[in-house]
Amino acid sequence: MTIQKLISWTFPLVLLLVPCTFGAAQEQGGEKKAVKKQVISVYDVEADASADIAAAVASAHKNNKRVLVVYGGNWCGWCV
C-alpha cells in the first residue's frame, strides 16, 4: 500500500472519529439542578422619575447648571 493511498483513507477516518470522541466524552444530561438567580435591584423601584427630574431641573435652574439624566431599568440586562 502506498503512502498516498494510506493517507487518502486514513485522513477522512480521523476527521470522522475525532468529533465522535468529543461527543462521547460529554457529560450526560441527567437531572438539571434548578439554580435560583438572585434578583439585583440597581434602580430604586419606588422612585418617582417625574418628581426627581423636576427637582433636578429646579436645582439646576437655581444654580445655573445643566441636567444630565441617566436612566435604565432593573429589567434591562445592559443597564444593570
N, C-alpha and C. Protein backbone atom coordinates (compact mmCIF):
# COMPACT_ATOMS: atom_id res chain seq x y z
N MET A 1 0.85 -1.17 0.00
CA MET A 1 0.00 0.00 0.00
C MET A 1 0.90 1.24 0.00
N THR A 2 0.60 2.15 -0.86
CA THR A 2 1.42 3.36 -0.95
C THR A 2 1.00 4.35 0.12
N ILE A 3 1.91 5.25 0.41
CA ILE A 3 1.64 6.26 1.43
C ILE A 3 0.48 7.16 1.04
N GLN A 4 0.36 7.45 -0.24
CA GLN A 4 -0.73 8.31 -0.72
C GLN A 4 -2.08 7.61 -0.52
N LYS A 5 -2.13 6.31 -0.77
CA LYS A 5 -3.36 5.56 -0.60
C LYS A 5 -3.71 5.46 0.89
N LEU A 6 -2.70 5.29 1.73
CA LEU A 6 -2.91 5.21 3.17
C LEU A 6 -3.49 6.52 3.71
N ILE A 7 -2.94 7.63 3.26
CA ILE A 7 -3.43 8.94 3.70
C ILE A 7 -4.83 9.20 3.17
N SER A 8 -5.11 8.74 1.97
CA SER A 8 -6.41 9.02 1.35
C SER A 8 -7.57 8.39 2.10
N TRP A 9 -7.37 7.30 2.82
CA TRP A 9 -8.49 6.73 3.58
C TRP A 9 -8.33 6.95 5.08
N THR A 10 -7.10 7.24 5.57
CA THR A 10 -6.89 7.47 6.99
C THR A 10 -7.36 8.87 7.41
N PHE A 11 -7.07 9.86 6.62
CA PHE A 11 -7.44 11.23 6.95
C PHE A 11 -8.94 11.42 7.11
N PRO A 12 -9.77 10.96 6.16
CA PRO A 12 -11.23 11.09 6.37
C PRO A 12 -11.73 10.31 7.58
N LEU A 13 -11.09 9.18 7.86
CA LEU A 13 -11.48 8.38 9.02
C LEU A 13 -11.18 9.14 10.32
N VAL A 14 -10.04 9.77 10.38
CA VAL A 14 -9.68 10.57 11.56
C VAL A 14 -10.64 11.75 11.71
N LEU A 15 -10.97 12.40 10.61
CA LEU A 15 -11.91 13.52 10.66
C LEU A 15 -13.28 13.09 11.15
N LEU A 16 -13.64 11.87 10.90
CA LEU A 16 -14.93 11.35 11.34
C LEU A 16 -14.90 10.94 12.81
N LEU A 17 -13.80 10.34 13.25
CA LEU A 17 -13.73 9.80 14.61
C LEU A 17 -13.43 10.85 15.68
N VAL A 18 -12.71 11.88 15.36
CA VAL A 18 -12.36 12.89 16.37
C VAL A 18 -13.60 13.56 16.95
N PRO A 19 -14.55 14.06 16.16
CA PRO A 19 -15.76 14.65 16.75
C PRO A 19 -16.58 13.64 17.55
N CYS A 20 -16.55 12.39 17.14
CA CYS A 20 -17.31 11.36 17.87
C CYS A 20 -16.75 11.16 19.27
N THR A 21 -15.43 11.24 19.42
CA THR A 21 -14.85 11.06 20.75
C THR A 21 -15.19 12.22 21.67
N PHE A 22 -15.24 13.43 21.13
CA PHE A 22 -15.62 14.57 21.97
C PHE A 22 -17.09 14.49 22.36
N GLY A 23 -17.93 14.02 21.48
CA GLY A 23 -19.35 13.87 21.79
C GLY A 23 -19.57 12.82 22.86
N ALA A 24 -18.81 11.74 22.82
CA ALA A 24 -18.96 10.68 23.80
C ALA A 24 -18.38 11.09 25.15
N ALA A 25 -17.44 12.01 25.16
CA ALA A 25 -16.80 12.43 26.40
C ALA A 25 -17.63 13.43 27.19
N GLN A 26 -18.68 13.97 26.60
CA GLN A 26 -19.50 14.95 27.29
C GLN A 26 -20.34 14.28 28.37
N GLU A 27 -20.62 15.04 29.40
CA GLU A 27 -21.44 14.55 30.50
C GLU A 27 -22.87 14.38 30.02
N GLN A 28 -23.49 13.31 30.46
CA GLN A 28 -24.87 13.03 30.05
C GLN A 28 -25.81 14.01 30.75
N GLY A 29 -26.98 14.23 30.11
CA GLY A 29 -27.96 15.21 30.58
C GLY A 29 -28.36 15.03 32.03
N GLY A 30 -28.92 13.88 32.38
CA GLY A 30 -29.33 13.64 33.75
C GLY A 30 -30.29 14.69 34.26
N GLU A 31 -30.34 14.84 35.57
CA GLU A 31 -31.21 15.84 36.18
C GLU A 31 -30.49 17.18 36.23
N LYS A 32 -31.20 18.20 35.85
CA LYS A 32 -30.64 19.54 35.92
C LYS A 32 -31.01 20.16 37.25
N LYS A 33 -30.03 20.72 37.90
CA LYS A 33 -30.28 21.37 39.17
C LYS A 33 -30.84 22.76 38.92
N ALA A 34 -31.89 23.09 39.64
CA ALA A 34 -32.51 24.40 39.50
C ALA A 34 -31.64 25.43 40.23
N VAL A 35 -31.14 26.39 39.50
CA VAL A 35 -30.34 27.44 40.08
C VAL A 35 -31.20 28.69 40.17
N LYS A 36 -31.44 29.13 41.39
CA LYS A 36 -32.27 30.31 41.58
C LYS A 36 -31.37 31.53 41.49
N LYS A 37 -31.70 32.38 40.55
CA LYS A 37 -30.92 33.58 40.31
C LYS A 37 -31.38 34.68 41.27
N GLN A 38 -30.42 35.30 41.92
CA GLN A 38 -30.76 36.39 42.83
C GLN A 38 -31.05 37.64 42.02
N VAL A 39 -32.17 38.26 42.31
CA VAL A 39 -32.58 39.47 41.59
C VAL A 39 -31.87 40.67 42.20
N ILE A 40 -31.18 41.40 41.36
CA ILE A 40 -30.45 42.58 41.82
C ILE A 40 -31.22 43.82 41.38
N SER A 41 -31.50 44.69 42.33
CA SER A 41 -32.19 45.95 42.02
C SER A 41 -31.19 47.08 42.09
N VAL A 42 -30.71 47.49 40.93
CA VAL A 42 -29.78 48.61 40.86
C VAL A 42 -30.55 49.93 40.95
N TYR A 43 -31.72 49.95 40.34
CA TYR A 43 -32.53 51.17 40.30
C TYR A 43 -33.64 51.07 41.35
N ASP A 44 -33.94 52.20 41.98
CA ASP A 44 -34.97 52.25 43.01
C ASP A 44 -36.34 52.03 42.37
N VAL A 45 -37.02 50.99 42.82
CA VAL A 45 -38.32 50.63 42.27
C VAL A 45 -39.39 51.64 42.69
N GLU A 46 -39.23 52.22 43.85
CA GLU A 46 -40.22 53.15 44.41
C GLU A 46 -40.00 54.59 43.95
N ALA A 47 -38.97 54.87 43.19
CA ALA A 47 -38.65 56.24 42.79
C ALA A 47 -39.71 56.80 41.85
N ASP A 48 -39.97 58.10 42.00
CA ASP A 48 -40.89 58.81 41.11
C ASP A 48 -40.03 59.62 40.14
N ALA A 49 -39.90 59.13 38.93
CA ALA A 49 -38.99 59.74 37.95
C ALA A 49 -39.38 61.17 37.63
N SER A 50 -40.66 61.44 37.50
CA SER A 50 -41.11 62.80 37.17
C SER A 50 -40.73 63.79 38.26
N ALA A 51 -40.93 63.39 39.51
CA ALA A 51 -40.59 64.28 40.63
C ALA A 51 -39.08 64.47 40.73
N ASP A 52 -38.31 63.40 40.52
CA ASP A 52 -36.85 63.51 40.58
C ASP A 52 -36.31 64.43 39.49
N ILE A 53 -36.85 64.32 38.29
CA ILE A 53 -36.41 65.18 37.19
C ILE A 53 -36.81 66.63 37.44
N ALA A 54 -38.03 66.84 37.93
CA ALA A 54 -38.48 68.20 38.23
C ALA A 54 -37.60 68.85 39.29
N ALA A 55 -37.23 68.10 40.32
CA ALA A 55 -36.36 68.63 41.37
C ALA A 55 -34.97 68.93 40.82
N ALA A 56 -34.46 68.06 39.94
CA ALA A 56 -33.14 68.28 39.35
C ALA A 56 -33.13 69.51 38.44
N VAL A 57 -34.20 69.69 37.68
CA VAL A 57 -34.30 70.85 36.78
C VAL A 57 -34.40 72.13 37.60
N ALA A 58 -35.17 72.11 38.68
CA ALA A 58 -35.30 73.30 39.53
C ALA A 58 -33.96 73.65 40.17
N SER A 59 -33.25 72.64 40.66
CA SER A 59 -31.95 72.87 41.28
C SER A 59 -30.94 73.38 40.25
N ALA A 60 -30.98 72.82 39.06
CA ALA A 60 -30.05 73.24 38.00
C ALA A 60 -30.34 74.67 37.56
N HIS A 61 -31.62 75.02 37.48
CA HIS A 61 -32.00 76.38 37.08
C HIS A 61 -31.53 77.39 38.13
N LYS A 62 -31.68 77.01 39.40
CA LYS A 62 -31.30 77.88 40.51
C LYS A 62 -29.78 78.10 40.53
N ASN A 63 -29.01 77.05 40.23
CA ASN A 63 -27.55 77.12 40.29
C ASN A 63 -26.89 77.36 38.93
N ASN A 64 -27.73 77.64 37.92
CA ASN A 64 -27.24 77.88 36.56
C ASN A 64 -26.37 76.71 36.07
N LYS A 65 -26.90 75.51 36.22
CA LYS A 65 -26.20 74.28 35.81
C LYS A 65 -27.06 73.54 34.79
N ARG A 66 -26.50 72.48 34.27
CA ARG A 66 -27.23 71.62 33.34
C ARG A 66 -27.64 70.33 34.04
N VAL A 67 -28.60 69.64 33.43
CA VAL A 67 -29.09 68.38 34.00
C VAL A 67 -28.69 67.24 33.07
N LEU A 68 -28.10 66.22 33.64
CA LEU A 68 -27.76 65.00 32.91
C LEU A 68 -28.66 63.90 33.44
N VAL A 69 -29.53 63.39 32.59
CA VAL A 69 -30.47 62.35 33.01
C VAL A 69 -29.89 60.99 32.63
N VAL A 70 -29.67 60.16 33.64
CA VAL A 70 -29.21 58.79 33.44
C VAL A 70 -30.37 57.89 33.81
N TYR A 71 -30.77 57.04 32.88
CA TYR A 71 -31.93 56.20 33.15
C TYR A 71 -31.64 54.76 32.76
N GLY A 72 -32.45 53.87 33.30
CA GLY A 72 -32.33 52.45 32.99
C GLY A 72 -33.42 51.71 33.73
N GLY A 73 -33.37 50.42 33.67
CA GLY A 73 -34.37 49.61 34.35
C GLY A 73 -33.76 48.32 34.86
N ASN A 74 -34.29 47.81 35.95
CA ASN A 74 -33.80 46.55 36.50
C ASN A 74 -34.05 45.39 35.55
N TRP A 75 -34.98 45.54 34.63
CA TRP A 75 -35.31 44.50 33.66
C TRP A 75 -34.32 44.47 32.51
N CYS A 76 -33.53 45.53 32.36
CA CYS A 76 -32.62 45.67 31.22
C CYS A 76 -31.27 45.04 31.56
N GLY A 77 -30.87 44.03 30.80
CA GLY A 77 -29.60 43.35 31.05
C GLY A 77 -28.40 44.25 30.86
N TRP A 78 -28.46 45.18 29.92
CA TRP A 78 -27.34 46.07 29.65
C TRP A 78 -27.28 47.21 30.66
N CYS A 79 -28.42 47.54 31.27
CA CYS A 79 -28.48 48.67 32.19
C CYS A 79 -27.99 48.29 33.59
N VAL A 80 -28.07 47.03 33.91
CA VAL A 80 -27.73 46.59 35.27
C VAL A 80 -26.27 46.30 35.37
